[in-house]
Amino acid sequence: MHGNVWEWCADWYGKYPATAQVDPQGPPSGAHRVLRGGSWYDDGRVLRSALRYHFEAGYRNVNIGFRLARGPN
């Protein structure tokens, strides 16, 4: 479900560890939040969750949003 808007993630932005990781969480705090997924404005090369950008948490743009996901009951 990518391609509608860039999605804000709960993770703070930081460099990934050099070793293989499963679901890396990023640093515990920071100045920038992670965006993933690409938007309607981008071409197909960036419409994937593996690509990430970062901005200050209060940054706004027409192609940035969020997705609500229901957790386990």
PDB file of N, CA and C in Angstrom:
ATOM      1  N   MET A   1       0.835  -1.192   0.000  1.00  0.00           N
ATOM      2  CA  MET A   1       0.000   0.000   0.000  1.00  0.00           C
ATOM      3  C   MET A   1       0.872   1.245   0.000  1.00  0.00           C
ATOM      4  N   HIS A   2       1.687   1.360  -1.007  1.00  0.00           N
ATOM      5  CA  HIS A   2       2.545   2.529  -1.121  1.00  0.00           C
ATOM      6  C   HIS A   2       2.101   3.380  -2.303  1.00  0.00           C
ATOM      7  N   GLY A   3       2.530   4.618  -2.300  1.00  0.00           N
ATOM      8  CA  GLY A   3       2.309   5.450  -3.460  1.00  0.00           C
ATOM      9  C   GLY A   3       1.296   6.558  -3.288  1.00  0.00           C
ATOM     10  N   ASN A   4       0.502   6.543  -2.242  1.00  0.00           N
ATOM     11  CA  ASN A   4      -0.468   7.612  -2.056  1.00  0.00           C
ATOM     12  C   ASN A   4       0.212   8.833  -1.426  1.00  0.00           C
ATOM     13  N   VAL A   5       0.831   8.657  -0.288  1.00  0.00           N
ATOM     14  CA  VAL A   5       1.594   9.719   0.376  1.00  0.00           C
ATOM     15  C   VAL A   5       2.826   9.116   1.039  1.00  0.00           C
ATOM     16  N   TRP A   6       3.838   9.938   1.261  1.00  0.00           N
ATOM     17  CA  TRP A   6       4.941   9.515   2.122  1.00  0.00           C
ATOM     18  C   TRP A   6       4.359   9.335   3.509  1.00  0.00           C
ATOM     19  N   GLU A   7       4.741   8.274   4.188  1.00  0.00           N
ATOM     20  CA  GLU A   7       4.161   7.982   5.489  1.00  0.00           C
ATOM     21  C   GLU A   7       5.158   8.252   6.614  1.00  0.00           C
ATOM     22  N   TRP A   8       4.702   9.017   7.609  1.00  0.00           N
ATOM     23  CA  TRP A   8       5.516   9.236   8.798  1.00  0.00           C
ATOM     24  C   TRP A   8       5.653   7.924   9.557  1.00  0.00           C
ATOM     25  N   CYS A   9       6.837   7.664  10.062  1.00  0.00           N
ATOM     26  CA  CYS A   9       7.087   6.495  10.912  1.00  0.00           C
ATOM     27  C   CYS A   9       7.404   6.971  12.320  1.00  0.00           C
ATOM     28  N   ALA A  10       7.242   6.114  13.293  1.00  0.00           N
ATOM     29  CA  ALA A  10       7.539   6.460  14.680  1.00  0.00           C
ATOM     30  C   ALA A  10       9.045   6.551  14.930  1.00  0.00           C
ATOM     31  N   ASP A  11       9.852   5.982  14.045  1.00  0.00           N
ATOM     32  CA  ASP A  11      11.306   5.939  14.235  1.00  0.00           C
ATOM     33  C   ASP A  11      11.958   7.301  14.053  1.00  0.00           C
ATOM     34  N   TRP A  12      12.949   7.565  14.877  1.00  0.00           N
ATOM     35  CA  TRP A  12      13.827   8.702  14.654  1.00  0.00           C
ATOM     36  C   TRP A  12      14.843   8.302  13.596  1.00  0.00           C
ATOM     37  N   TYR A  13      15.302   9.249  12.803  1.00  0.00           N
ATOM     38  CA  TYR A  13      16.248   8.944  11.735  1.00  0.00           C
ATOM     39  C   TYR A  13      17.654   8.783  12.292  1.00  0.00           C
ATOM     40  N   GLY A  14      18.358   7.783  11.808  1.00  0.00           N
ATOM     41  CA  GLY A  14      19.757   7.546  12.144  1.00  0.00           C
ATOM     42  C   GLY A  14      20.330   6.540  11.166  1.00  0.00           C
ATOM     43  N   LYS A  15      21.623   6.458  11.118  1.00  0.00           N
ATOM     44  CA  LYS A  15      22.276   5.491  10.238  1.00  0.00           C
ATOM     45  C   LYS A  15      21.988   4.081  10.734  1.00  0.00           C
ATOM     46  N   TYR A  16      21.799   3.173   9.792  1.00  0.00           N
ATOM     47  CA  TYR A  16      21.602   1.773  10.149  1.00  0.00           C
ATOM     48  C   TYR A  16      22.920   1.157  10.605  1.00  0.00           C
ATOM     49  N   PRO A  17      22.867   0.146  11.482  1.00  0.00           N
ATOM     50  CA  PRO A  17      24.084  -0.574  11.869  1.00  0.00           C
ATOM     51  C   PRO A  17      24.695  -1.280  10.652  1.00  0.00           C
ATOM     52  N   ALA A  18      25.972  -1.554  10.696  1.00  0.00           N
ATOM     53  CA  ALA A  18      26.666  -2.211   9.582  1.00  0.00           C
ATOM     54  C   ALA A  18      26.277  -3.681   9.455  1.00  0.00           C
ATOM     55  N   THR A  19      25.785  -4.284  10.522  1.00  0.00           N
ATOM     56  CA  THR A  19      25.397  -5.697  10.489  1.00  0.00           C
ATOM     57  C   THR A  19      23.940  -5.843  10.050  1.00  0.00           C
ATOM     58  N   ALA A  20      23.573  -7.024   9.594  1.00  0.00           N
ATOM     59  CA  ALA A  20      22.209  -7.293   9.159  1.00  0.00           C
ATOM     60  C   ALA A  20      21.230  -7.091  10.318  1.00  0.00           C
ATOM     61  N   GLN A  21      20.071  -6.492  10.022  1.00  0.00           N
ATOM     62  CA  GLN A  21      19.066  -6.207  11.044  1.00  0.00           C
ATOM     63  C   GLN A  21      17.696  -6.650  10.556  1.00  0.00           C
ATOM     64  N   VAL A  22      16.816  -6.981  11.490  1.00  0.00           N
ATOM     65  CA  VAL A  22      15.412  -7.226  11.188  1.00  0.00           C
ATOM     66  C   VAL A  22      14.623  -6.152  11.919  1.00  0.00           C
ATOM     67  N   ASP A  23      13.893  -5.341  11.182  1.00  0.00           N
ATOM     68  CA  ASP A  23      13.101  -4.243  11.739  1.00  0.00           C
ATOM     69  C   ASP A  23      13.927  -3.315  12.630  1.00  0.00           C
ATOM     70  N   PRO A  24      14.949  -2.673  12.085  1.00  0.00           N
ATOM     71  CA  PRO A  24      15.761  -1.752  12.901  1.00  0.00           C
ATOM     72  C   PRO A  24      14.908  -0.584  13.387  1.00  0.00           C
ATOM     73  N   GLN A  25      15.058  -0.217  14.636  1.00  0.00           N
ATOM     74  CA  GLN A  25      14.220   0.812  15.250  1.00  0.00           C
ATOM     75  C   GLN A  25      14.802   2.213  15.190  1.00  0.00           C
ATOM     76  N   GLY A  26      16.071   2.354  14.898  1.00  0.00           N
ATOM     77  CA  GLY A  26      16.677   3.679  14.908  1.00  0.00           C
ATOM     78  C   GLY A  26      17.029   4.111  16.317  1.00  0.00           C
ATOM     79  N   PRO A  27      17.584   5.307  16.452  1.00  0.00           N
ATOM     80  CA  PRO A  27      17.999   5.787  17.775  1.00  0.00           C
ATOM     81  C   PRO A  27      16.788   6.110  18.657  1.00  0.00           C
ATOM     82  N   PRO A  28      16.976   6.183  19.988  1.00  0.00           N
ATOM     83  CA  PRO A  28      15.864   6.454  20.898  1.00  0.00           C
ATOM     84  C   PRO A  28      15.347   7.896  20.836  1.00  0.00           C
ATOM     85  N   SER A  29      16.122   8.819  20.269  1.00  0.00           N
ATOM     86  CA  SER A  29      15.687  10.213  20.124  1.00  0.00           C
ATOM     87  C   SER A  29      16.431  10.830  18.949  1.00  0.00           C
ATOM     88  N   GLY A  30      16.012  12.015  18.553  1.00  0.00           N
ATOM     89  CA  GLY A  30      16.671  12.679  17.441  1.00  0.00           C
ATOM     90  C   GLY A  30      15.957  13.943  17.022  1.00  0.00           C
ATOM     91  N   ALA A  31      16.379  14.516  15.907  1.00  0.00           N
ATOM     92  CA  ALA A  31      15.786  15.746  15.398  1.00  0.00           C
ATOM     93  C   ALA A  31      14.868  15.499  14.207  1.00  0.00           C
ATOM     94  N   HIS A  32      15.018  14.356  13.538  1.00  0.00           N
ATOM     95  CA  HIS A  32      14.251  14.072  12.329  1.00  0.00           C
ATOM     96  C   HIS A  32      13.523  12.738  12.441  1.00  0.00           C
ATOM     97  N   ARG A  33      12.280  12.695  11.954  1.00  0.00           N
ATOM     98  CA  ARG A  33      11.504  11.463  11.883  1.00  0.00           C
ATOM     99  C   ARG A  33      11.632  10.863  10.485  1.00  0.00           C
ATOM    100  N   VAL A  34      11.415   9.565  10.393  1.00  0.00           N
ATOM    101  CA  VAL A  34      11.546   8.832   9.133  1.00  0.00           C
ATOM    102  C   VAL A  34      10.241   8.902   8.339  1.00  0.00           C
ATOM    103  N   LEU A  35      10.394   9.069   7.019  1.00  0.00           N
ATOM    104  CA  LEU A  35       9.285   8.980   6.066  1.00  0.00           C
ATOM    105  C   LEU A  35       9.570   7.820   5.137  1.00  0.00           C
ATOM    106  N   ARG A  36       8.533   7.030   4.814  1.00  0.00           N
ATOM    107  CA  ARG A  36       8.693   5.885   3.908  1.00  0.00           C
ATOM    108  C   ARG A  36       7.539   5.826   2.915  1.00  0.00           C
ATOM    109  N   GLY A  37       7.786   5.154   1.797  1.00  0.00           N
ATOM    110  CA  GLY A  37       6.715   4.730   0.909  1.00  0.00           C
ATOM    111  C   GLY A  37       6.526   5.465  -0.393  1.00  0.00           C
ATOM    112  N   GLY A  38       6.963   6.694  -0.538  1.00  0.00           N
ATOM    113  CA  GLY A  38       6.742   7.429  -1.773  1.00  0.00           C
ATOM    114  C   GLY A  38       5.342   8.001  -1.850  1.00  0.00           C
ATOM    115  N   SER A  39       5.110   8.875  -2.815  1.00  0.00           N
ATOM    116  CA  SER A  39       3.805   9.512  -2.936  1.00  0.00           C
ATOM    117  C   SER A  39       3.343   9.541  -4.388  1.00  0.00           C
ATOM    118  N   TRP A  40       2.161  10.076  -4.608  1.00  0.00           N
ATOM    119  CA  TRP A  40       1.583  10.225  -5.943  1.00  0.00           C
ATOM    120  C   TRP A  40       2.478  11.089  -6.834  1.00  0.00           C
ATOM    121  N   TYR A  41       3.315  11.900  -6.249  1.00  0.00           N
ATOM    122  CA  TYR A  41       4.160  12.830  -6.997  1.00  0.00           C
ATOM    123  C   TYR A  41       5.448  12.180  -7.502  1.00  0.00           C
ATOM    124  N   ASP A  42       5.818  11.031  -6.966  1.00  0.00           N
ATOM    125  CA  ASP A  42       7.099  10.387  -7.271  1.00  0.00           C
ATOM    126  C   ASP A  42       6.975   9.331  -8.364  1.00  0.00           C
ATOM    127  N   ASP A  43       8.117   8.992  -8.967  1.00  0.00           N
ATOM    128  CA  ASP A  43       8.111   7.907  -9.949  1.00  0.00           C
ATOM    129  C   ASP A  43       8.269   6.560  -9.235  1.00  0.00           C
ATOM    130  N   GLY A  44       8.167   5.466  -9.977  1.00  0.00           N
ATOM    131  CA  GLY A  44       8.134   4.127  -9.406  1.00  0.00           C
ATOM    132  C   GLY A  44       9.369   3.704  -8.648  1.00  0.00           C
ATOM    133  N   ARG A  45      10.510   4.326  -8.882  1.00  0.00           N
ATOM    134  CA  ARG A  45      11.741   3.921  -8.191  1.00  0.00           C
ATOM    135  C   ARG A  45      11.692   4.153  -6.698  1.00  0.00           C
ATOM    136  N   VAL A  46      10.894   5.102  -6.247  1.00  0.00           N
ATOM    137  CA  VAL A  46      10.857   5.423  -4.813  1.00  0.00           C
ATOM    138  C   VAL A  46       9.618   4.895  -4.108  1.00  0.00           C
ATOM    139  N   LEU A  47       8.732   4.212  -4.810  1.00  0.00           N
ATOM    140  CA  LEU A  47       7.499   3.705  -4.203  1.00  0.00           C
ATOM    141  C   LEU A  47       7.733   2.374  -3.521  1.00  0.00           C
ATOM    142  N   ARG A  48       8.502   2.402  -2.454  1.00  0.00           N
ATOM    143  CA  ARG A  48       8.809   1.183  -1.714  1.00  0.00           C
ATOM    144  C   ARG A  48       9.164   1.535  -0.275  1.00  0.00           C
ATOM    145  N   SER A  49       8.869   0.639   0.646  1.00  0.00           N
ATOM    146  CA  SER A  49       9.096   0.925   2.060  1.00  0.00           C
ATOM    147  C   SER A  49      10.566   0.927   2.442  1.00  0.00           C
ATOM    148  N   ALA A  50      11.417   0.318   1.624  1.00  0.00           N
ATOM    149  CA  ALA A  50      12.844   0.286   1.944  1.00  0.00           C
ATOM    150  C   ALA A  50      13.503   1.652   1.773  1.00  0.00           C
ATOM    151  N   LEU A  51      12.916   2.507   0.971  1.00  0.00           N
ATOM    152  CA  LEU A  51      13.472   3.852   0.786  1.00  0.00           C
ATOM    153  C   LEU A  51      12.963   4.750   1.898  1.00  0.00           C
ATOM    154  N   ARG A  52      13.829   5.532   2.483  1.00  0.00           N
ATOM    155  CA  ARG A  52      13.392   6.420   3.556  1.00  0.00           C
ATOM    156  C   ARG A  52      14.003   7.800   3.395  1.00  0.00           C
ATOM    157  N   TYR A  53      13.225   8.782   3.756  1.00  0.00           N
ATOM    158  CA  TYR A  53      13.668  10.164   3.842  1.00  0.00           C
ATOM    159  C   TYR A  53      13.485  10.587   5.287  1.00  0.00           C
ATOM    160  N   HIS A  54      13.907  11.795   5.600  1.00  0.00           N
ATOM    161  CA  HIS A  54      13.720  12.282   6.958  1.00  0.00           C
ATOM    162  C   HIS A  54      13.539  13.789   6.956  1.00  0.00           C
ATOM    163  N   PHE A  55      12.683  14.250   7.840  1.00  0.00           N
ATOM    164  CA  PHE A  55      12.430  15.672   8.041  1.00  0.00           C
ATOM    165  C   PHE A  55      12.154  15.903   9.514  1.00  0.00           C
ATOM    166  N   GLU A  56      12.166  17.177   9.913  1.00  0.00           N
ATOM    167  CA  GLU A  56      11.759  17.514  11.270  1.00  0.00           C
ATOM    168  C   GLU A  56      10.311  17.065  11.450  1.00  0.00           C
ATOM    169  N   ALA A  57       9.963  16.657  12.644  1.00  0.00           N
ATOM    170  CA  ALA A  57       8.652  16.064  12.902  1.00  0.00           C
ATOM    171  C   ALA A  57       7.495  17.003  12.560  1.00  0.00           C
ATOM    172  N   GLY A  58       7.656  18.280  12.623  1.00  0.00           N
ATOM    173  CA  GLY A  58       6.577  19.221  12.323  1.00  0.00           C
ATOM    174  C   GLY A  58       6.483  19.616  10.855  1.00  0.00           C
ATOM    175  N   TYR A  59       7.340  19.077   9.999  1.00  0.00           N
ATOM    176  CA  TYR A  59       7.348  19.434   8.582  1.00  0.00           C
ATOM    177  C   TYR A  59       6.038  19.004   7.915  1.00  0.00           C
ATOM    178  N   ARG A  60       5.494  19.860   7.049  1.00  0.00           N
ATOM    179  CA  ARG A  60       4.247  19.541   6.348  1.00  0.00           C
ATOM    180  C   ARG A  60       4.430  19.745   4.852  1.00  0.00           C
ATOM    181  N   ASN A  61       3.721  18.903   4.078  1.00  0.00           N
ATOM    182  CA  ASN A  61       3.752  18.975   2.628  1.00  0.00           C
ATOM    183  C   ASN A  61       2.527  18.220   2.115  1.00  0.00           C
ATOM    184  N   VAL A  62       2.062  18.529   0.912  1.00  0.00           N
ATOM    185  CA  VAL A  62       0.857  17.895   0.374  1.00  0.00           C
ATOM    186  C   VAL A  62       1.042  16.412   0.089  1.00  0.00           C
ATOM    187  N   ASN A  63       2.272  15.936  -0.014  1.00  0.00           N
ATOM    188  CA  ASN A  63       2.489  14.522  -0.321  1.00  0.00           C
ATOM    189  C   ASN A  63       3.020  13.737   0.876  1.00  0.00           C
ATOM    190  N   ILE A  64       2.791  14.245   2.111  1.00  0.00           N
ATOM    191  CA  ILE A  64       3.188  13.555   3.336  1.00  0.00           C
ATOM    192  C   ILE A  64       1.946  13.332   4.192  1.00  0.00           C
ATOM    193  N   GLY A  65       1.787  12.108   4.680  1.00  0.00           N
ATOM    194  CA  GLY A  65       0.636  11.784   5.528  1.00  0.00           C
ATOM    195  C   GLY A  65       1.014  10.723   6.536  1.00  0.00           C
ATOM    196  N   PHE A  66       0.051   9.945   6.965  1.00  0.00           N
ATOM    197  CA  PHE A  66       0.323   8.841   7.880  1.00  0.00           C
ATOM    198  C   PHE A  66      -0.740   7.778   7.668  1.00  0.00           C
ATOM    199  N   ARG A  67      -0.460   6.588   8.154  1.00  0.00           N
ATOM    200  CA  ARG A  67      -1.404   5.476   8.046  1.00  0.00           C
ATOM    201  C   ARG A  67      -1.654   4.920   9.439  1.00  0.00           C
ATOM    202  N   LEU A  68      -2.897   4.769   9.783  1.00  0.00           N
ATOM    203  CA  LEU A  68      -3.244   4.151  11.056  1.00  0.00           C
ATOM    204  C   LEU A  68      -3.289   2.652  10.880  1.00  0.00           C
ATOM    205  N   ALA A  69      -2.685   1.947  11.788  1.00  0.00           N
ATOM    206  CA  ALA A  69      -2.671   0.489  11.737  1.00  0.00           C
ATOM    207  C   ALA A  69      -3.205  -0.054  13.054  1.00  0.00           C
ATOM    208  N   ARG A  70      -4.165  -0.910  12.968  1.00  0.00           N
ATOM    209  CA  ARG A  70      -4.733  -1.507  14.168  1.00  0.00           C
ATOM    210  C   ARG A  70      -3.781  -2.559  14.717  1.00  0.00           C
ATOM    211  N   GLY A  71      -3.497  -2.481  15.993  1.00  0.00           N
ATOM    212  CA  GLY A  71      -2.635  -3.439  16.652  1.00  0.00           C
ATOM    213  C   GLY A  71      -3.391  -4.701  17.033  1.00  0.00           C
ATOM    214  N   PRO A  72      -2.697  -5.665  17.633  1.00  0.00           N
ATOM    215  CA  PRO A  72      -3.366  -6.897  18.061  1.00  0.00           C
ATOM    216  C   PRO A  72      -4.384  -6.611  19.169  1.00  0.00           C
ATOM    217  N   ASN A  73      -5.437  -7.382  19.196  1.00  0.00           N
ATOM    218  CA  ASN A  73      -6.490  -7.194  20.212  1.00  0.00           C
ATOM    219  C   ASN A  73      -6.046  -7.654  21.568  1.00  0.00           C
TER     220      ASN A  73
END
